[in-house]
mmCIF file of all heavy atoms, coordinates in Angstrom:
data_MODEL
# 
_entry.id   MODEL 
# 
loop_
_atom_site.group_PDB 
_atom_site.id 
_atom_site.type_symbol 
_atom_site.label_atom_id 
_atom_site.label_alt_id 
_atom_site.label_comp_id 
_atom_site.label_asym_id 
_atom_site.label_entity_id 
_atom_site.label_seq_id 
_atom_site.pdbx_PDB_ins_code 
_atom_site.Cartn_x 
_atom_site.Cartn_y 
_atom_site.Cartn_z 
_atom_site.occupancy 
_atom_site.B_iso_or_equiv 
_atom_site.pdbx_formal_charge 
_atom_site.auth_seq_id 
_atom_site.auth_comp_id 
_atom_site.auth_asym_id 
_atom_site.auth_atom_id 
_atom_site.pdbx_PDB_model_num 
ATOM 1   N N   . PRO A 1 1  ? 91.719 140.248 32.086 1.00 0.00 ? 1  PRO A N   1 
ATOM 2   C CA  . PRO A 1 1  ? 90.676 140.272 31.047 1.00 0.00 ? 1  PRO A CA  1 
ATOM 3   C C   . PRO A 1 1  ? 89.313 140.522 31.679 1.00 0.00 ? 1  PRO A C   1 
ATOM 4   O O   . PRO A 1 1  ? 88.971 139.937 32.707 1.00 0.00 ? 1  PRO A O   1 
ATOM 5   C CB  . PRO A 1 1  ? 90.750 138.864 30.431 1.00 0.00 ? 1  PRO A CB  1 
ATOM 6   C CG  . PRO A 1 1  ? 92.100 138.349 30.781 1.00 0.00 ? 1  PRO A CG  1 
ATOM 7   C CD  . PRO A 1 1  ? 92.450 138.974 32.107 1.00 0.00 ? 1  PRO A CD  1 
ATOM 8   N N   . PRO A 1 2  ? 88.511 141.424 31.105 1.00 0.00 ? 2  PRO A N   1 
ATOM 9   C CA  . PRO A 1 2  ? 87.183 141.695 31.679 1.00 0.00 ? 2  PRO A CA  1 
ATOM 10  C C   . PRO A 1 2  ? 86.230 140.510 31.488 1.00 0.00 ? 2  PRO A C   1 
ATOM 11  O O   . PRO A 1 2  ? 86.381 139.713 30.559 1.00 0.00 ? 2  PRO A O   1 
ATOM 12  C CB  . PRO A 1 2  ? 86.698 142.920 30.898 1.00 0.00 ? 2  PRO A CB  1 
ATOM 13  C CG  . PRO A 1 2  ? 87.426 142.848 29.593 1.00 0.00 ? 2  PRO A CG  1 
ATOM 14  C CD  . PRO A 1 2  ? 88.770 142.239 29.911 1.00 0.00 ? 2  PRO A CD  1 
ATOM 15  N N   . ILE A 1 3  ? 85.260 140.401 32.363 1.00 0.00 ? 3  ILE A N   1 
ATOM 16  C CA  . ILE A 1 3  ? 84.234 139.360 32.274 1.00 0.00 ? 3  ILE A CA  1 
ATOM 17  C C   . ILE A 1 3  ? 83.184 139.809 31.260 1.00 0.00 ? 3  ILE A C   1 
ATOM 18  O O   . ILE A 1 3  ? 82.583 140.877 31.405 1.00 0.00 ? 3  ILE A O   1 
ATOM 19  C CB  . ILE A 1 3  ? 83.587 139.108 33.641 1.00 0.00 ? 3  ILE A CB  1 
ATOM 20  C CG1 . ILE A 1 3  ? 84.631 138.613 34.642 1.00 0.00 ? 3  ILE A CG1 1 
ATOM 21  C CG2 . ILE A 1 3  ? 82.439 138.114 33.524 1.00 0.00 ? 3  ILE A CG2 1 
ATOM 22  C CD1 . ILE A 1 3  ? 84.112 138.500 36.060 1.00 0.00 ? 3  ILE A CD1 1 
ATOM 23  N N   . LYS A 1 4  ? 82.975 139.030 30.227 1.00 0.00 ? 4  LYS A N   1 
ATOM 24  C CA  . LYS A 1 4  ? 81.972 139.333 29.215 1.00 0.00 ? 4  LYS A CA  1 
ATOM 25  C C   . LYS A 1 4  ? 80.786 138.388 29.415 1.00 0.00 ? 4  LYS A C   1 
ATOM 26  O O   . LYS A 1 4  ? 80.894 137.179 29.221 1.00 0.00 ? 4  LYS A O   1 
ATOM 27  C CB  . LYS A 1 4  ? 82.545 139.169 27.813 1.00 0.00 ? 4  LYS A CB  1 
ATOM 28  C CG  . LYS A 1 4  ? 83.673 140.156 27.494 1.00 0.00 ? 4  LYS A CG  1 
ATOM 29  C CD  . LYS A 1 4  ? 83.169 141.605 27.538 1.00 0.00 ? 4  LYS A CD  1 
ATOM 30  C CE  . LYS A 1 4  ? 84.269 142.593 27.179 1.00 0.00 ? 4  LYS A CE  1 
ATOM 31  N NZ  . LYS A 1 4  ? 83.801 144.006 27.277 1.00 0.00 ? 4  LYS A NZ  1 
ATOM 32  N N   . MET A 1 5  ? 79.653 138.944 29.826 1.00 0.00 ? 5  MET A N   1 
ATOM 33  C CA  . MET A 1 5  ? 78.468 138.140 30.119 1.00 0.00 ? 5  MET A CA  1 
ATOM 34  C C   . MET A 1 5  ? 77.576 138.032 28.887 1.00 0.00 ? 5  MET A C   1 
ATOM 35  O O   . MET A 1 5  ? 77.478 138.979 28.099 1.00 0.00 ? 5  MET A O   1 
ATOM 36  C CB  . MET A 1 5  ? 77.650 138.772 31.247 1.00 0.00 ? 5  MET A CB  1 
ATOM 37  C CG  . MET A 1 5  ? 78.350 138.843 32.580 1.00 0.00 ? 5  MET A CG  1 
ATOM 38  S SD  . MET A 1 5  ? 77.200 139.423 33.848 1.00 0.00 ? 5  MET A SD  1 
ATOM 39  C CE  . MET A 1 5  ? 78.280 139.468 35.280 1.00 0.00 ? 5  MET A CE  1 
ATOM 40  N N   . ASP A 1 6  ? 76.919 136.877 28.752 1.00 0.00 ? 6  ASP A N   1 
ATOM 41  C CA  . ASP A 1 6  ? 75.834 136.795 27.792 1.00 0.00 ? 6  ASP A CA  1 
ATOM 42  C C   . ASP A 1 6  ? 74.555 137.290 28.461 1.00 0.00 ? 6  ASP A C   1 
ATOM 43  O O   . ASP A 1 6  ? 74.536 137.636 29.648 1.00 0.00 ? 6  ASP A O   1 
ATOM 44  C CB  . ASP A 1 6  ? 75.673 135.377 27.236 1.00 0.00 ? 6  ASP A CB  1 
ATOM 45  C CG  . ASP A 1 6  ? 75.368 134.349 28.317 1.00 0.00 ? 6  ASP A CG  1 
ATOM 46  O OD1 . ASP A 1 6  ? 75.079 134.739 29.458 1.00 0.00 ? 6  ASP A OD1 1 
ATOM 47  O OD2 . ASP A 1 6  ? 75.437 133.134 28.019 1.00 0.00 ? 6  ASP A OD2 1 
ATOM 48  N N   . LEU A 1 7  ? 73.473 137.335 27.708 1.00 0.00 ? 7  LEU A N   1 
ATOM 49  C CA  . LEU A 1 7  ? 72.250 137.945 28.223 1.00 0.00 ? 7  LEU A CA  1 
ATOM 50  C C   . LEU A 1 7  ? 71.674 137.168 29.408 1.00 0.00 ? 7  LEU A C   1 
ATOM 51  O O   . LEU A 1 7  ? 71.213 137.771 30.393 1.00 0.00 ? 7  LEU A O   1 
ATOM 52  C CB  . LEU A 1 7  ? 71.222 138.044 27.093 1.00 0.00 ? 7  LEU A CB  1 
ATOM 53  C CG  . LEU A 1 7  ? 69.968 138.876 27.365 1.00 0.00 ? 7  LEU A CG  1 
ATOM 54  C CD1 . LEU A 1 7  ? 70.326 140.237 27.915 1.00 0.00 ? 7  LEU A CD1 1 
ATOM 55  C CD2 . LEU A 1 7  ? 69.150 139.011 26.093 1.00 0.00 ? 7  LEU A CD2 1 
ATOM 56  N N   . GLU A 1 8  ? 71.711 135.837 29.353 1.00 0.00 ? 8  GLU A N   1 
ATOM 57  C CA  . GLU A 1 8  ? 71.162 135.034 30.458 1.00 0.00 ? 8  GLU A CA  1 
ATOM 58  C C   . GLU A 1 8  ? 71.930 135.266 31.752 1.00 0.00 ? 8  GLU A C   1 
ATOM 59  O O   . GLU A 1 8  ? 71.335 135.441 32.820 1.00 0.00 ? 8  GLU A O   1 
ATOM 60  C CB  . GLU A 1 8  ? 71.200 133.548 30.087 1.00 0.00 ? 8  GLU A CB  1 
ATOM 61  C CG  . GLU A 1 8  ? 70.221 133.143 29.009 1.00 0.00 ? 8  GLU A CG  1 
ATOM 62  C CD  . GLU A 1 8  ? 70.381 131.683 28.668 1.00 0.00 ? 8  GLU A CD  1 
ATOM 63  O OE1 . GLU A 1 8  ? 70.145 130.849 29.548 1.00 0.00 ? 8  GLU A OE1 1 
ATOM 64  O OE2 . GLU A 1 8  ? 70.753 131.369 27.525 1.00 0.00 ? 8  GLU A OE2 1 
ATOM 65  N N   . ARG A 1 9  ? 73.247 135.271 31.652 1.00 0.00 ? 9  ARG A N   1 
ATOM 66  C CA  . ARG A 1 9  ? 74.056 135.469 32.855 1.00 0.00 ? 9  ARG A CA  1 
ATOM 67  C C   . ARG A 1 9  ? 73.872 136.882 33.401 1.00 0.00 ? 9  ARG A C   1 
ATOM 68  O O   . ARG A 1 9  ? 73.856 137.082 34.631 1.00 0.00 ? 9  ARG A O   1 
ATOM 69  C CB  . ARG A 1 9  ? 75.523 135.206 32.531 1.00 0.00 ? 9  ARG A CB  1 
ATOM 70  C CG  . ARG A 1 9  ? 76.416 135.199 33.766 1.00 0.00 ? 9  ARG A CG  1 
ATOM 71  C CD  . ARG A 1 9  ? 77.841 134.847 33.429 1.00 0.00 ? 9  ARG A CD  1 
ATOM 72  N NE  . ARG A 1 9  ? 78.703 134.943 34.600 1.00 0.00 ? 9  ARG A NE  1 
ATOM 73  C CZ  . ARG A 1 9  ? 80.020 134.855 34.561 1.00 0.00 ? 9  ARG A CZ  1 
ATOM 74  N NH1 . ARG A 1 9  ? 80.633 134.649 33.395 1.00 0.00 ? 9  ARG A NH1 1 
ATOM 75  N NH2 . ARG A 1 9  ? 80.738 134.964 35.657 1.00 0.00 ? 9  ARG A NH2 1 
ATOM 76  N N   . ALA A 1 10 ? 73.722 137.861 32.509 1.00 0.00 ? 10 ALA A N   1 
ATOM 77  C CA  . ALA A 1 10 ? 73.518 139.236 32.959 1.00 0.00 ? 10 ALA A CA  1 
ATOM 78  C C   . ALA A 1 10 ? 72.202 139.370 33.716 1.00 0.00 ? 10 ALA A C   1 
ATOM 79  O O   . ALA A 1 10 ? 72.123 140.063 34.735 1.00 0.00 ? 10 ALA A O   1 
ATOM 80  C CB  . ALA A 1 10 ? 73.546 140.182 31.763 1.00 0.00 ? 10 ALA A CB  1 
ATOM 81  N N   . LEU A 1 11 ? 71.153 138.694 33.245 1.00 0.00 ? 11 LEU A N   1 
ATOM 82  C CA  . LEU A 1 11 ? 69.861 138.752 33.925 1.00 0.00 ? 11 LEU A CA  1 
ATOM 83  C C   . LEU A 1 11 ? 69.931 138.099 35.297 1.00 0.00 ? 11 LEU A C   1 
ATOM 84  O O   . LEU A 1 11 ? 69.237 138.512 36.238 1.00 0.00 ? 11 LEU A O   1 
ATOM 85  C CB  . LEU A 1 11 ? 68.783 138.075 33.074 1.00 0.00 ? 11 LEU A CB  1 
ATOM 86  C CG  . LEU A 1 11 ? 68.371 138.808 31.796 1.00 0.00 ? 11 LEU A CG  1 
ATOM 87  C CD1 . LEU A 1 11 ? 67.427 137.946 30.964 1.00 0.00 ? 11 LEU A CD1 1 
ATOM 88  C CD2 . LEU A 1 11 ? 67.714 140.136 32.130 1.00 0.00 ? 11 LEU A CD2 1 
ATOM 89  N N   . GLU A 1 12 ? 70.743 137.052 35.428 1.00 0.00 ? 12 GLU A N   1 
ATOM 90  C CA  . GLU A 1 12 ? 70.916 136.411 36.738 1.00 0.00 ? 12 GLU A CA  1 
ATOM 91  C C   . GLU A 1 12 ? 71.734 137.279 37.679 1.00 0.00 ? 12 GLU A C   1 
ATOM 92  O O   . GLU A 1 12 ? 71.545 137.225 38.892 1.00 0.00 ? 12 GLU A O   1 
ATOM 93  C CB  . GLU A 1 12 ? 71.595 135.047 36.566 1.00 0.00 ? 12 GLU A CB  1 
ATOM 94  C CG  . GLU A 1 12 ? 70.722 133.981 35.923 1.00 0.00 ? 12 GLU A CG  1 
ATOM 95  C CD  . GLU A 1 12 ? 71.389 132.615 35.950 1.00 0.00 ? 12 GLU A CD  1 
ATOM 96  O OE1 . GLU A 1 12 ? 72.621 132.562 36.116 1.00 0.00 ? 12 GLU A OE1 1 
ATOM 97  O OE2 . GLU A 1 12 ? 70.683 131.610 35.826 1.00 0.00 ? 12 GLU A OE2 1 
ATOM 98  N N   . PHE A 1 13 ? 72.634 138.097 37.127 1.00 0.00 ? 13 PHE A N   1 
ATOM 99  C CA  . PHE A 1 13 ? 73.548 138.881 37.959 1.00 0.00 ? 13 PHE A CA  1 
ATOM 100 C C   . PHE A 1 13 ? 72.871 140.100 38.571 1.00 0.00 ? 13 PHE A C   1 
ATOM 101 O O   . PHE A 1 13 ? 73.093 140.422 39.744 1.00 0.00 ? 13 PHE A O   1 
ATOM 102 C CB  . PHE A 1 13 ? 74.751 139.322 37.128 1.00 0.00 ? 13 PHE A CB  1 
ATOM 103 C CG  . PHE A 1 13 ? 75.707 140.215 37.872 1.00 0.00 ? 13 PHE A CG  1 
ATOM 104 C CD1 . PHE A 1 13 ? 76.667 139.679 38.708 1.00 0.00 ? 13 PHE A CD1 1 
ATOM 105 C CD2 . PHE A 1 13 ? 75.619 141.601 37.752 1.00 0.00 ? 13 PHE A CD2 1 
ATOM 106 C CE1 . PHE A 1 13 ? 77.538 140.509 39.420 1.00 0.00 ? 13 PHE A CE1 1 
ATOM 107 C CE2 . PHE A 1 13 ? 76.480 142.426 38.448 1.00 0.00 ? 13 PHE A CE2 1 
ATOM 108 C CZ  . PHE A 1 13 ? 77.446 141.881 39.286 1.00 0.00 ? 13 PHE A CZ  1 
ATOM 109 N N   . ILE A 1 14 ? 72.044 140.795 37.810 1.00 0.00 ? 14 ILE A N   1 
ATOM 110 C CA  . ILE A 1 14 ? 71.538 142.088 38.270 1.00 0.00 ? 14 ILE A CA  1 
ATOM 111 C C   . ILE A 1 14 ? 70.628 141.937 39.485 1.00 0.00 ? 14 ILE A C   1 
ATOM 112 O O   . ILE A 1 14 ? 70.007 140.902 39.707 1.00 0.00 ? 14 ILE A O   1 
ATOM 113 C CB  . ILE A 1 14 ? 70.782 142.819 37.142 1.00 0.00 ? 14 ILE A CB  1 
ATOM 114 C CG1 . ILE A 1 14 ? 69.590 141.997 36.650 1.00 0.00 ? 14 ILE A CG1 1 
ATOM 115 C CG2 . ILE A 1 14 ? 71.715 143.174 36.008 1.00 0.00 ? 14 ILE A CG2 1 
ATOM 116 C CD1 . ILE A 1 14 ? 68.717 142.729 35.654 1.00 0.00 ? 14 ILE A CD1 1 
ATOM 117 N N   . GLY A 1 15 ? 70.556 143.024 40.269 1.00 0.00 ? 15 GLY A N   1 
ATOM 118 C CA  . GLY A 1 15 ? 69.705 143.067 41.448 1.00 0.00 ? 15 GLY A CA  1 
ATOM 119 C C   . GLY A 1 15 ? 68.395 143.759 41.151 1.00 0.00 ? 15 GLY A C   1 
ATOM 120 O O   . GLY A 1 15 ? 68.126 144.213 40.030 1.00 0.00 ? 15 GLY A O   1 
ATOM 121 N N   . PRO A 1 16 ? 67.530 143.894 42.161 1.00 0.00 ? 16 PRO A N   1 
ATOM 122 C CA  . PRO A 1 16 ? 66.212 144.514 41.956 1.00 0.00 ? 16 PRO A CA  1 
ATOM 123 C C   . PRO A 1 16 ? 66.283 145.971 41.511 1.00 0.00 ? 16 PRO A C   1 
ATOM 124 O O   . PRO A 1 16 ? 65.338 146.478 40.906 1.00 0.00 ? 16 PRO A O   1 
ATOM 125 C CB  . PRO A 1 16 ? 65.546 144.392 43.334 1.00 0.00 ? 16 PRO A CB  1 
ATOM 126 C CG  . PRO A 1 16 ? 66.292 143.298 44.033 1.00 0.00 ? 16 PRO A CG  1 
ATOM 127 C CD  . PRO A 1 16 ? 67.686 143.377 43.528 1.00 0.00 ? 16 PRO A CD  1 
ATOM 128 N N   . ASP A 1 17 ? 67.389 146.687 41.824 1.00 0.00 ? 17 ASP A N   1 
ATOM 129 C CA  . ASP A 1 17 ? 67.507 148.101 41.463 1.00 0.00 ? 17 ASP A CA  1 
ATOM 130 C C   . ASP A 1 17 ? 68.393 148.305 40.246 1.00 0.00 ? 17 ASP A C   1 
ATOM 131 O O   . ASP A 1 17 ? 68.930 149.406 40.040 1.00 0.00 ? 17 ASP A O   1 
ATOM 132 C CB  . ASP A 1 17 ? 68.067 148.897 42.648 1.00 0.00 ? 17 ASP A CB  1 
ATOM 133 C CG  . ASP A 1 17 ? 69.465 148.433 43.047 1.00 0.00 ? 17 ASP A CG  1 
ATOM 134 O OD1 . ASP A 1 17 ? 69.820 147.269 42.730 1.00 0.00 ? 17 ASP A OD1 1 
ATOM 135 O OD2 . ASP A 1 17 ? 70.209 149.228 43.658 1.00 0.00 ? 17 ASP A OD2 1 
ATOM 136 N N   . GLU A 1 18 ? 68.531 147.286 39.406 1.00 0.00 ? 18 GLU A N   1 
ATOM 137 C CA  . GLU A 1 18 ? 69.429 147.359 38.256 1.00 0.00 ? 18 GLU A CA  1 
ATOM 138 C C   . GLU A 1 18 ? 68.732 146.904 36.973 1.00 0.00 ? 18 GLU A C   1 
ATOM 139 O O   . GLU A 1 18 ? 67.709 146.204 37.017 1.00 0.00 ? 18 GLU A O   1 
ATOM 140 C CB  . GLU A 1 18 ? 70.684 146.512 38.513 1.00 0.00 ? 18 GLU A CB  1 
ATOM 141 C CG  . GLU A 1 18 ? 71.514 147.002 39.689 1.00 0.00 ? 18 GLU A CG  1 
ATOM 142 C CD  . GLU A 1 18 ? 72.544 146.001 40.172 1.00 0.00 ? 18 GLU A CD  1 
ATOM 143 O OE1 . GLU A 1 18 ? 72.570 144.866 39.670 1.00 0.00 ? 18 GLU A OE1 1 
ATOM 144 O OE2 . GLU A 1 18 ? 73.326 146.358 41.078 1.00 0.00 ? 18 GLU A OE2 1 
ATOM 145 N N   . TYR A 1 19 ? 69.286 147.290 35.847 1.00 0.00 ? 19 TYR A N   1 
ATOM 146 C CA  . TYR A 1 19 ? 68.780 146.939 34.524 1.00 0.00 ? 19 TYR A CA  1 
ATOM 147 C C   . TYR A 1 19 ? 69.895 146.325 33.688 1.00 0.00 ? 19 TYR A C   1 
ATOM 148 O O   . TYR A 1 19 ? 71.088 146.560 33.938 1.00 0.00 ? 19 TYR A O   1 
ATOM 149 C CB  . TYR A 1 19 ? 68.274 148.177 33.776 1.00 0.00 ? 19 TYR A CB  1 
ATOM 150 C CG  . TYR A 1 19 ? 66.901 148.676 34.156 1.00 0.00 ? 19 TYR A CG  1 
ATOM 151 C CD1 . TYR A 1 19 ? 66.663 150.052 34.268 1.00 0.00 ? 19 TYR A CD1 1 
ATOM 152 C CD2 . TYR A 1 19 ? 65.836 147.804 34.350 1.00 0.00 ? 19 TYR A CD2 1 
ATOM 153 C CE1 . TYR A 1 19 ? 65.401 150.533 34.596 1.00 0.00 ? 19 TYR A CE1 1 
ATOM 154 C CE2 . TYR A 1 19 ? 64.570 148.292 34.679 1.00 0.00 ? 19 TYR A CE2 1 
ATOM 155 C CZ  . TYR A 1 19 ? 64.365 149.647 34.797 1.00 0.00 ? 19 TYR A CZ  1 
ATOM 156 O OH  . TYR A 1 19 ? 63.118 150.117 35.118 1.00 0.00 ? 19 TYR A OH  1 
ATOM 157 N N   . VAL A 1 20 ? 69.485 145.564 32.660 1.00 0.00 ? 20 VAL A N   1 
ATOM 158 C CA  . VAL A 1 20 ? 70.389 145.168 31.581 1.00 0.00 ? 20 VAL A CA  1 
ATOM 159 C C   . VAL A 1 20 ? 69.992 145.973 30.356 1.00 0.00 ? 20 VAL A C   1 
ATOM 160 O O   . VAL A 1 20 ? 68.842 145.921 29.904 1.00 0.00 ? 20 VAL A O   1 
ATOM 161 C CB  . VAL A 1 20 ? 70.302 143.666 31.266 1.00 0.00 ? 20 VAL A CB  1 
ATOM 162 C CG1 . VAL A 1 20 ? 71.227 143.303 30.102 1.00 0.00 ? 20 VAL A CG1 1 
ATOM 163 C CG2 . VAL A 1 20 ? 70.669 142.829 32.483 1.00 0.00 ? 20 VAL A CG2 1 
ATOM 164 N N   . GLU A 1 21 ? 70.926 146.726 29.819 1.00 0.00 ? 21 GLU A N   1 
ATOM 165 C CA  . GLU A 1 21 ? 70.687 147.503 28.607 1.00 0.00 ? 21 GLU A CA  1 
ATOM 166 C C   . GLU A 1 21 ? 71.084 146.654 27.401 1.00 0.00 ? 21 GLU A C   1 
ATOM 167 O O   . GLU A 1 21 ? 72.228 146.198 27.307 1.00 0.00 ? 21 GLU A O   1 
ATOM 168 C CB  . GLU A 1 21 ? 71.490 148.806 28.653 1.00 0.00 ? 21 GLU A CB  1 
ATOM 169 C CG  . GLU A 1 21 ? 71.319 149.673 27.404 1.00 0.00 ? 21 GLU A CG  1 
ATOM 170 C CD  . GLU A 1 21 ? 72.247 150.870 27.392 1.00 0.00 ? 21 GLU A CD  1 
ATOM 171 O OE1 . GLU A 1 21 ? 72.907 151.135 28.430 1.00 0.00 ? 21 GLU A OE1 1 
ATOM 172 O OE2 . GLU A 1 21 ? 72.328 151.551 26.355 1.00 0.00 ? 21 GLU A OE2 1 
ATOM 173 N N   . VAL A 1 22 ? 70.137 146.440 26.493 1.00 0.00 ? 22 VAL A N   1 
ATOM 174 C CA  . VAL A 1 22 ? 70.335 145.558 25.343 1.00 0.00 ? 22 VAL A CA  1 
ATOM 175 C C   . VAL A 1 22 ? 70.275 146.394 24.070 1.00 0.00 ? 22 VAL A C   1 
ATOM 176 O O   . VAL A 1 22 ? 69.250 147.027 23.783 1.00 0.00 ? 22 VAL A O   1 
ATOM 177 C CB  . VAL A 1 22 ? 69.266 144.450 25.301 1.00 0.00 ? 22 VAL A CB  1 
ATOM 178 C CG1 . VAL A 1 22 ? 69.497 143.525 24.120 1.00 0.00 ? 22 VAL A CG1 1 
ATOM 179 C CG2 . VAL A 1 22 ? 69.260 143.660 26.598 1.00 0.00 ? 22 VAL A CG2 1 
ATOM 180 N N   . THR A 1 23 ? 71.355 146.398 23.299 1.00 0.00 ? 23 THR A N   1 
ATOM 181 C CA  . THR A 1 23 ? 71.401 147.067 22.000 1.00 0.00 ? 23 THR A CA  1 
ATOM 182 C C   . THR A 1 23 ? 71.983 146.092 20.980 1.00 0.00 ? 23 THR A C   1 
ATOM 183 O O   . THR A 1 23 ? 72.540 145.050 21.357 1.00 0.00 ? 23 THR A O   1 
ATOM 184 C CB  . THR A 1 23 ? 72.266 148.341 22.066 1.00 0.00 ? 23 THR A CB  1 
ATOM 185 O OG1 . THR A 1 23 ? 73.625 147.983 22.342 1.00 0.00 ? 23 THR A OG1 1 
ATOM 186 C CG2 . THR A 1 23 ? 71.766 149.291 23.145 1.00 0.00 ? 23 THR A CG2 1 
ATOM 187 N N   . PRO A 1 24 ? 71.866 146.383 19.677 1.00 0.00 ? 24 PRO A N   1 
ATOM 188 C CA  . PRO A 1 24 ? 72.327 145.408 18.667 1.00 0.00 ? 24 PRO A CA  1 
ATOM 189 C C   . PRO A 1 24 ? 73.780 144.960 18.819 1.00 0.00 ? 24 PRO A C   1 
ATOM 190 O O   . PRO A 1 24 ? 74.108 143.833 18.469 1.00 0.00 ? 24 PRO A O   1 
ATOM 191 C CB  . PRO A 1 24 ? 72.117 146.163 17.346 1.00 0.00 ? 24 PRO A CB  1 
ATOM 192 C CG  . PRO A 1 24 ? 70.942 147.049 17.624 1.00 0.00 ? 24 PRO A CG  1 
ATOM 193 C CD  . PRO A 1 24 ? 71.116 147.480 19.050 1.00 0.00 ? 24 PRO A CD  1 
ATOM 194 N N   . ARG A 1 25 ? 74.655 145.816 19.345 1.00 0.00 ? 25 ARG A N   1 
ATOM 195 C CA  . ARG A 1 25 ? 76.070 145.426 19.442 1.00 0.00 ? 25 ARG A CA  1 
ATOM 196 C C   . ARG A 1 25 ? 76.610 145.410 20.863 1.00 0.00 ? 25 ARG A C   1 
ATOM 197 O O   . ARG A 1 25 ? 77.785 145.075 21.062 1.00 0.00 ? 25 ARG A O   1 
ATOM 198 C CB  . ARG A 1 25 ? 76.929 146.378 18.591 1.00 0.00 ? 25 ARG A CB  1 
ATOM 199 C CG  . ARG A 1 25 ? 76.652 146.307 17.110 1.00 0.00 ? 25 ARG A CG  1 
ATOM 200 C CD  . ARG A 1 25 ? 77.754 146.995 16.289 1.00 0.00 ? 25 ARG A CD  1 
ATOM 201 N NE  . ARG A 1 25 ? 77.886 148.388 16.612 1.00 0.00 ? 25 ARG A NE  1 
ATOM 202 C CZ  . ARG A 1 25 ? 77.221 149.383 16.004 1.00 0.00 ? 25 ARG A CZ  1 
ATOM 203 N NH1 . ARG A 1 25 ? 76.348 149.084 15.057 1.00 0.00 ? 25 ARG A NH1 1 
ATOM 204 N NH2 . ARG A 1 25 ? 77.411 150.636 16.340 1.00 0.00 ? 25 ARG A NH2 1 
ATOM 205 N N   . SER A 1 26 ? 75.785 145.744 21.855 1.00 0.00 ? 26 SER A N   1 
ATOM 206 C CA  . SER A 1 26 ? 76.313 145.879 23.214 1.00 0.00 ? 26 SER A CA  1 
ATOM 207 C C   . SER A 1 26 ? 75.328 145.345 24.248 1.00 0.00 ? 26 SER A C   1 
ATOM 208 O O   . SER A 1 26 ? 74.114 145.351 24.042 1.00 0.00 ? 26 SER A O   1 
ATOM 209 C CB  . SER A 1 26 ? 76.614 147.353 23.529 1.00 0.00 ? 26 SER A CB  1 
ATOM 210 O OG  . SER A 1 26 ? 77.457 147.921 22.560 1.00 0.00 ? 26 SER A OG  1 
ATOM 211 N N   . LEU A 1 27 ? 75.900 144.886 25.364 1.00 0.00 ? 27 LEU A N   1 
ATOM 212 C CA  . LEU A 1 27 ? 75.152 144.569 26.576 1.00 0.00 ? 27 LEU A CA  1 
ATOM 213 C C   . LEU A 1 27 ? 75.802 145.342 27.716 1.00 0.00 ? 27 LEU A C   1 
ATOM 214 O O   . LEU A 1 27 ? 77.003 145.210 27.964 1.00 0.00 ? 27 LEU A O   1 
ATOM 215 C CB  . LEU A 1 27 ? 75.196 143.067 26.888 1.00 0.00 ? 27 LEU A CB  1 
ATOM 216 C CG  . LEU A 1 27 ? 74.328 142.125 26.069 1.00 0.00 ? 27 LEU A CG  1 
ATOM 217 C CD1 . LEU A 1 27 ? 74.566 140.690 26.523 1.00 0.00 ? 27 LEU A CD1 1 
ATOM 218 C CD2 . LEU A 1 27 ? 72.862 142.472 26.229 1.00 0.00 ? 27 LEU A CD2 1 
ATOM 219 N N   . ARG A 1 28 ? 75.014 146.170 28.389 1.00 0.00 ? 28 ARG A N   1 
ATOM 220 C CA  . ARG A 1 28 ? 75.556 146.952 29.497 1.00 0.00 ? 28 ARG A CA  1 
ATOM 221 C C   . ARG A 1 28 ? 74.680 146.748 30.719 1.00 0.00 ? 28 ARG A C   1 
ATOM 222 O O   . ARG A 1 28 ? 73.467 146.570 30.617 1.00 0.00 ? 28 ARG A O   1 
ATOM 223 C CB  . ARG A 1 28 ? 75.590 148.449 29.143 1.00 0.00 ? 28 ARG A CB  1 
ATOM 224 C CG  . ARG A 1 28 ? 76.377 148.785 27.879 1.00 0.00 ? 28 ARG A CG  1 
ATOM 225 C CD  . ARG A 1 28 ? 76.411 150.296 27.657 1.00 0.00 ? 28 ARG A CD  1 
ATOM 226 N NE  . ARG A 1 28 ? 77.035 150.630 26.389 1.00 0.00 ? 28 ARG A NE  1 
ATOM 227 C CZ  . ARG A 1 28 ? 76.365 150.825 25.252 1.00 0.00 ? 28 ARG A CZ  1 
ATOM 228 N NH1 . ARG A 1 28 ? 75.040 150.741 25.245 1.00 0.00 ? 28 ARG A NH1 1 
ATOM 229 N NH2 . ARG A 1 28 ? 77.002 151.126 24.141 1.00 0.00 ? 28 ARG A NH2 1 
ATOM 230 N N   . LEU A 1 29 ? 75.301 146.784 31.890 1.00 0.00 ? 29 LEU A N   1 
ATOM 231 C CA  . LEU A 1 29 ? 74.588 146.740 33.167 1.00 0.00 ? 29 LEU A CA  1 
ATOM 232 C C   . LEU A 1 29 ? 74.558 148.139 33.744 1.00 0.00 ? 29 LEU A C   1 
ATOM 233 O O   . LEU A 1 29 ? 75.542 148.875 33.642 1.00 0.00 ? 29 LEU A O   1 
ATOM 234 C CB  . LEU A 1 29 ? 75.262 145.778 34.141 1.00 0.00 ? 29 LEU A CB  1 
ATOM 235 C CG  . LEU A 1 29 ? 75.538 144.354 33.627 1.00 0.00 ? 29 LEU A CG  1 
ATOM 236 C CD1 . LEU A 1 29 ? 76.109 143.504 34.748 1.00 0.00 ? 29 LEU A CD1 1 
ATOM 237 C CD2 . LEU A 1 29 ? 74.295 143.718 33.070 1.00 0.00 ? 29 LEU A CD2 1 
# 
């Protein structure tokens, strides 16, 4: 099963050269 992150965990995961893409139905790194 894939790991599904919430927004807080995604912000903690990304590095200095990465973004979190936030849309109404999706969260992408």
